Amino acid sequence: MKQTLRRLSCLSLLLLSASSYAGDHQYLRMGMPEAYAQECVGCHVAYPPKMLSAKSWQRMMSNLGQHYGTDARLAPEKARQIEAWLVDYAARKGRRAYEMPPEDRITQTRWFVKEHRHVAPPVWRLESVKSAANCQACHSLAEQGRYDDDELVVPKGVTPAQMRAFLD
């Protein structure tokens, strides 16, 4: 009887963790629009829509002529398709759903700043990192929408004193 209960408990934990994992990456399973993959991923990692609120994505998409120093204007149909997808999978609960970070930058959201508070400023400027927006410099599976702390890699050039961010 105890062994059966233990097995059921383990199975329940496995199913719970699998369902929460699936929820984190649901936007990938639901189909990233081809336009997003072609137009946006050519310049940066495929940021998960849940990293910003729907309002932030809408403002960003309405100002593609000045997209962080680049003219990223798209054909209207492509822009509508990408915006609809980003808004559909944007943050829906918690602070992310309501936060309006400066310039709609993911790297300026409260959660991003808190999550990366131990990263020393010089790390962001390393040649192997370049900026806080370069997720894949540390998150080895960012291209698949996975940002788990267990899958962090230490970028080239990080000093022993800067390692705290990768150990916490």
C-alpha atoms as a PDB file:
ATOM      1  CA  MET A   1       0.000   0.000   0.000  1.00  0.00           C
ATOM      2  CA  LYS A   2       2.768   2.471   0.933  1.00  0.00           C
ATOM      3  CA  GLN A   3       4.620   1.659  -2.282  1.00  0.00           C
ATOM      4  CA  THR A   4       1.462   2.289  -4.345  1.00  0.00           C
ATOM      5  CA  LEU A   5       0.913   5.643  -2.622  1.00  0.00           C
ATOM      6  CA  ARG A   6       4.550   6.566  -3.196  1.00  0.00           C
ATOM      7  CA  ARG A   7       4.236   5.718  -6.901  1.00  0.00           C
ATOM      8  CA  LEU A   8       1.044   7.761  -7.187  1.00  0.00           C
ATOM      9  CA  SER A   9       2.747  10.709  -5.476  1.00  0.00           C
ATOM     10  CA  CYS A  10       5.715  10.501  -7.832  1.00  0.00           C
ATOM     11  CA  LEU A  11       3.412  10.250 -10.846  1.00  0.00           C
ATOM     12  CA  SER A  12       1.404  13.271  -9.649  1.00  0.00           C
ATOM     13  CA  LEU A  13       4.568  15.337  -9.226  1.00  0.00           C
ATOM     14  CA  LEU A  14       5.772  14.310 -12.657  1.00  0.00           C
ATOM     15  CA  LEU A  15       2.462  15.273 -14.268  1.00  0.00           C
ATOM     16  CA  LEU A  16       2.353  18.588 -12.426  1.00  0.00           C
ATOM     17  CA  SER A  17       5.874  19.510 -13.460  1.00  0.00           C
ATOM     18  CA  ALA A  18       5.204  18.421 -17.049  1.00  0.00           C
ATOM     19  CA  SER A  19       2.054  20.514 -17.240  1.00  0.00           C
ATOM     20  CA  SER A  20       3.752  23.597 -15.803  1.00  0.00           C
ATOM     21  CA  TYR A  21       6.644  23.096 -18.205  1.00  0.00           C
ATOM     22  CA  ALA A  22       4.218  22.790 -21.115  1.00  0.00           C
ATOM     23  CA  GLY A  23       2.456  25.961 -20.044  1.00  0.00           C
ATOM     24  CA  ASP A  24       5.706  27.907 -20.044  1.00  0.00           C
ATOM     25  CA  HIS A  25       6.392  26.952 -23.641  1.00  0.00           C
ATOM     26  CA  GLN A  26       2.838  26.805 -24.943  1.00  0.00           C
ATOM     27  CA  TYR A  27       3.458  29.641 -27.383  1.00  0.00           C
ATOM     28  CA  LEU A  28       5.985  27.464 -29.224  1.00  0.00           C
ATOM     29  CA  ARG A  29       3.620  24.501 -29.480  1.00  0.00           C
ATOM     30  CA  MET A  30       0.769  26.707 -30.654  1.00  0.00           C
ATOM     31  CA  GLY A  31       2.808  27.712 -33.628  1.00  0.00           C
ATOM     32  CA  MET A  32       5.062  30.663 -33.940  1.00  0.00           C
ATOM     33  CA  PRO A  33       3.921  32.557 -37.027  1.00  0.00           C
ATOM     34  CA  GLU A  34       6.214  32.108 -39.981  1.00  0.00           C
ATOM     35  CA  ALA A  35       6.369  35.903 -40.246  1.00  0.00           C
ATOM     36  CA  TYR A  36       7.778  36.139 -36.691  1.00  0.00           C
ATOM     37  CA  ALA A  37      10.394  33.511 -37.465  1.00  0.00           C
ATOM     38  CA  GLN A  38      11.371  35.243 -40.716  1.00  0.00           C
ATOM     39  CA  GLU A  39      11.226  38.881 -39.697  1.00  0.00           C
ATOM     40  CA  CYS A  40      12.029  39.026 -35.988  1.00  0.00           C
ATOM     41  CA  VAL A  41      14.207  36.011 -35.296  1.00  0.00           C
ATOM     42  CA  GLY A  42      16.580  37.112 -38.030  1.00  0.00           C
ATOM     43  CA  CYS A  43      17.823  39.845 -35.672  1.00  0.00           C
ATOM     44  CA  HIS A  44      17.239  38.483 -32.170  1.00  0.00           C
ATOM     45  CA  VAL A  45      16.109  35.448 -30.193  1.00  0.00           C
ATOM     46  CA  ALA A  46      12.426  34.546 -30.387  1.00  0.00           C
ATOM     47  CA  TYR A  47      11.344  36.305 -27.225  1.00  0.00           C
ATOM     48  CA  PRO A  48       8.420  34.525 -25.598  1.00  0.00           C
ATOM     49  CA  PRO A  49       5.321  36.730 -25.811  1.00  0.00           C
ATOM     50  CA  LYS A  50       4.679  36.276 -22.080  1.00  0.00           C
ATOM     51  CA  MET A  51       7.730  38.402 -21.342  1.00  0.00           C
ATOM     52  CA  LEU A  52       5.685  41.565 -21.941  1.00  0.00           C
ATOM     53  CA  SER A  53       2.126  42.742 -21.585  1.00  0.00           C
ATOM     54  CA  ALA A  54      -0.238  42.925 -24.536  1.00  0.00           C
ATOM     55  CA  LYS A  55      -0.086  46.745 -24.391  1.00  0.00           C
ATOM     56  CA  SER A  56       3.717  46.707 -24.605  1.00  0.00           C
ATOM     57  CA  TRP A  57       3.632  44.401 -27.646  1.00  0.00           C
ATOM     58  CA  GLN A  58       1.002  46.600 -29.297  1.00  0.00           C
ATOM     59  CA  ARG A  59       3.053  49.756 -28.731  1.00  0.00           C
ATOM     60  CA  MET A  60       6.192  48.041 -30.011  1.00  0.00           C
ATOM     61  CA  MET A  61       4.447  46.779 -33.141  1.00  0.00           C
ATOM     62  CA  SER A  62       2.960  50.211 -33.831  1.00  0.00           C
ATOM     63  CA  ASN A  63       6.428  51.781 -33.865  1.00  0.00           C
ATOM     64  CA  LEU A  64       8.491  49.398 -36.009  1.00  0.00           C
ATOM     65  CA  GLY A  65       9.984  52.317 -37.932  1.00  0.00           C
ATOM     66  CA  GLN A  66      11.995  53.095 -34.787  1.00  0.00           C
ATOM     67  CA  HIS A  67      12.535  49.593 -33.397  1.00  0.00           C
ATOM     68  CA  TYR A  68      15.427  50.104 -30.982  1.00  0.00           C
ATOM     69  CA  GLY A  69      17.456  52.038 -33.510  1.00  0.00           C
ATOM     70  CA  THR A  70      16.417  49.979 -36.530  1.00  0.00           C
ATOM     71  CA  ASP A  71      13.780  50.470 -39.184  1.00  0.00           C
ATOM     72  CA  ALA A  72      11.927  47.177 -38.833  1.00  0.00           C
ATOM     73  CA  ARG A  73       8.744  48.145 -40.693  1.00  0.00           C
ATOM     74  CA  LEU A  74       6.878  45.221 -42.190  1.00  0.00           C
ATOM     75  CA  ALA A  75       4.165  44.679 -44.736  1.00  0.00           C
ATOM     76  CA  PRO A  76       0.866  45.445 -42.957  1.00  0.00           C
ATOM     77  CA  GLU A  77      -0.418  41.860 -43.159  1.00  0.00           C
ATOM     78  CA  LYS A  78       2.792  40.441 -41.624  1.00  0.00           C
ATOM     79  CA  ALA A  79       2.753  43.068 -38.889  1.00  0.00           C
ATOM     80  CA  ARG A  80      -0.891  42.259 -38.052  1.00  0.00           C
ATOM     81  CA  GLN A  81      -0.159  38.528 -37.951  1.00  0.00           C
ATOM     82  CA  ILE A  82       2.838  38.960 -35.623  1.00  0.00           C
ATOM     83  CA  GLU A  83       1.048  41.443 -33.379  1.00  0.00           C
ATOM     84  CA  ALA A  84      -2.001  39.202 -33.031  1.00  0.00           C
ATOM     85  CA  TRP A  85       0.190  36.286 -31.998  1.00  0.00           C
ATOM     86  CA  LEU A  86       2.226  38.350 -29.522  1.00  0.00           C
ATOM     87  CA  VAL A  87      -0.925  39.785 -27.959  1.00  0.00           C
ATOM     88  CA  ASP A  88      -2.634  36.354 -27.798  1.00  0.00           C
ATOM     89  CA  TYR A  89       0.275  34.899 -25.809  1.00  0.00           C
ATOM     90  CA  ALA A  90       1.306  38.026 -23.875  1.00  0.00           C
ATOM     91  CA  ALA A  91       1.521  38.028 -20.091  1.00  0.00           C
ATOM     92  CA  ARG A  92      -1.986  37.562 -18.711  1.00  0.00           C
ATOM     93  CA  LYS A  93      -1.495  37.459 -14.966  1.00  0.00           C
ATOM     94  CA  GLY A  94       0.764  38.906 -12.347  1.00  0.00           C
ATOM     95  CA  ARG A  95       2.811  42.062 -12.644  1.00  0.00           C
ATOM     96  CA  ARG A  96       4.000  41.317 -16.169  1.00  0.00           C
ATOM     97  CA  ALA A  97       0.445  41.671 -17.450  1.00  0.00           C
ATOM     98  CA  TYR A  98       0.287  45.300 -16.298  1.00  0.00           C
ATOM     99  CA  GLU A  99       3.868  46.501 -16.308  1.00  0.00           C
ATOM    100  CA  MET A 100       4.895  49.098 -18.845  1.00  0.00           C
ATOM    101  CA  PRO A 101       8.708  49.049 -18.839  1.00  0.00           C
ATOM    102  CA  PRO A 102      10.672  51.974 -20.281  1.00  0.00           C
ATOM    103  CA  GLU A 103      10.651  51.774 -24.077  1.00  0.00           C
ATOM    104  CA  ASP A 104       8.837  48.417 -23.726  1.00  0.00           C
ATOM    105  CA  ARG A 105      12.203  46.776 -23.176  1.00  0.00           C
ATOM    106  CA  ILE A 106      12.096  43.279 -21.704  1.00  0.00           C
ATOM    107  CA  THR A 107      15.449  44.012 -20.076  1.00  0.00           C
ATOM    108  CA  GLN A 108      13.884  46.937 -18.193  1.00  0.00           C
ATOM    109  CA  THR A 109      10.986  45.022 -16.666  1.00  0.00           C
ATOM    110  CA  ARG A 110      10.989  44.619 -12.891  1.00  0.00           C
ATOM    111  CA  TRP A 111      11.059  40.832 -13.148  1.00  0.00           C
ATOM    112  CA  PHE A 112      14.054  40.859 -15.535  1.00  0.00           C
ATOM    113  CA  VAL A 113      16.003  43.284 -13.351  1.00  0.00           C
ATOM    114  CA  LYS A 114      15.219  41.237 -10.232  1.00  0.00           C
ATOM    115  CA  GLU A 115      16.082  37.930 -11.919  1.00  0.00           C
ATOM    116  CA  HIS A 116      19.425  39.294 -13.169  1.00  0.00           C
ATOM    117  CA  ARG A 117      20.322  41.441 -10.144  1.00  0.00           C
ATOM    118  CA  HIS A 118      23.504  39.475  -9.459  1.00  0.00           C
ATOM    119  CA  VAL A 119      24.892  39.925 -12.968  1.00  0.00           C
ATOM    120  CA  ALA A 120      27.674  42.484 -12.727  1.00  0.00           C
ATOM    121  CA  PRO A 121      27.355  45.343 -15.266  1.00  0.00           C
ATOM    122  CA  PRO A 122      30.668  44.460 -16.972  1.00  0.00           C
ATOM    123  CA  VAL A 123      29.260  41.011 -17.846  1.00  0.00           C
ATOM    124  CA  TRP A 124      26.647  42.622 -20.136  1.00  0.00           C
ATOM    125  CA  ARG A 125      29.475  44.325 -22.049  1.00  0.00           C
ATOM    126  CA  LEU A 126      31.600  41.208 -22.615  1.00  0.00           C
ATOM    127  CA  GLU A 127      32.253  40.404 -26.271  1.00  0.00           C
ATOM    128  CA  SER A 128      30.574  37.029 -25.722  1.00  0.00           C
ATOM    129  CA  VAL A 129      27.431  38.705 -24.317  1.00  0.00           C
ATOM    130  CA  LYS A 130      27.194  42.194 -25.880  1.00  0.00           C
ATOM    131  CA  SER A 131      23.956  43.193 -24.096  1.00  0.00           C
ATOM    132  CA  ALA A 132      21.263  42.061 -21.686  1.00  0.00           C
ATOM    133  CA  ALA A 133      19.018  41.404 -24.692  1.00  0.00           C
ATOM    134  CA  ASN A 134      21.312  38.610 -25.898  1.00  0.00           C
ATOM    135  CA  CYS A 135      19.560  35.848 -23.930  1.00  0.00           C
ATOM    136  CA  GLN A 136      21.296  32.964 -25.645  1.00  0.00           C
ATOM    137  CA  ALA A 137      24.676  34.147 -24.323  1.00  0.00           C
ATOM    138  CA  CYS A 138      23.748  32.567 -20.985  1.00  0.00           C
ATOM    139  CA  HIS A 139      20.517  30.676 -21.610  1.00  0.00           C
ATOM    140  CA  SER A 140      21.649  27.818 -23.820  1.00  0.00           C
ATOM    141  CA  LEU A 141      18.104  26.861 -24.826  1.00  0.00           C
ATOM    142  CA  ALA A 142      16.688  30.354 -25.353  1.00  0.00           C
ATOM    143  CA  GLU A 143      16.102  29.549 -29.031  1.00  0.00           C
ATOM    144  CA  GLN A 144      13.598  26.926 -27.867  1.00  0.00           C
ATOM    145  CA  GLY A 145      11.960  29.341 -25.433  1.00  0.00           C
ATOM    146  CA  ARG A 146      13.592  27.759 -22.394  1.00  0.00           C
ATOM    147  CA  TYR A 147      15.183  29.993 -19.775  1.00  0.00           C
ATOM    148  CA  ASP A 148      15.642  27.545 -16.925  1.00  0.00           C
ATOM    149  CA  ASP A 149      18.366  28.399 -14.418  1.00  0.00           C
ATOM    150  CA  ASP A 150      19.514  24.782 -14.549  1.00  0.00           C
ATOM    151  CA  GLU A 151      20.529  25.255 -18.184  1.00  0.00           C
ATOM    152  CA  LEU A 152      22.666  28.363 -17.763  1.00  0.00           C
ATOM    153  CA  VAL A 153      26.041  28.526 -19.422  1.00  0.00           C
ATOM    154  CA  VAL A 154      28.816  30.828 -18.319  1.00  0.00           C
ATOM    155  CA  PRO A 155      29.817  33.140 -21.157  1.00  0.00           C
ATOM    156  CA  LYS A 156      33.435  33.400 -22.163  1.00  0.00           C
ATOM    157  CA  GLY A 157      35.250  36.106 -20.236  1.00  0.00           C
ATOM    158  CA  VAL A 158      33.311  35.923 -16.959  1.00  0.00           C
ATOM    159  CA  THR A 159      35.727  36.286 -14.066  1.00  0.00           C
ATOM    160  CA  PRO A 160      35.601  34.164 -10.911  1.00  0.00           C
ATOM    161  CA  ALA A 161      34.311  37.215  -9.021  1.00  0.00           C
ATOM    162  CA  GLN A 162      31.406  37.535 -11.498  1.00  0.00           C
ATOM    163  CA  MET A 163      30.394  33.874 -11.159  1.00  0.00           C
ATOM    164  CA  ARG A 164      27.906  34.590  -8.352  1.00  0.00           C
ATOM    165  CA  ALA A 165      25.178  35.312 -10.874  1.00  0.00           C
ATOM    166  CA  PHE A 166      25.528  31.822 -12.295  1.00  0.00           C
ATOM    167  CA  LEU A 167      25.661  30.066  -8.933  1.00  0.00           C
ATOM    168  CA  ASP A 168      22.664  31.693  -7.187  1.00  0.00           C
END
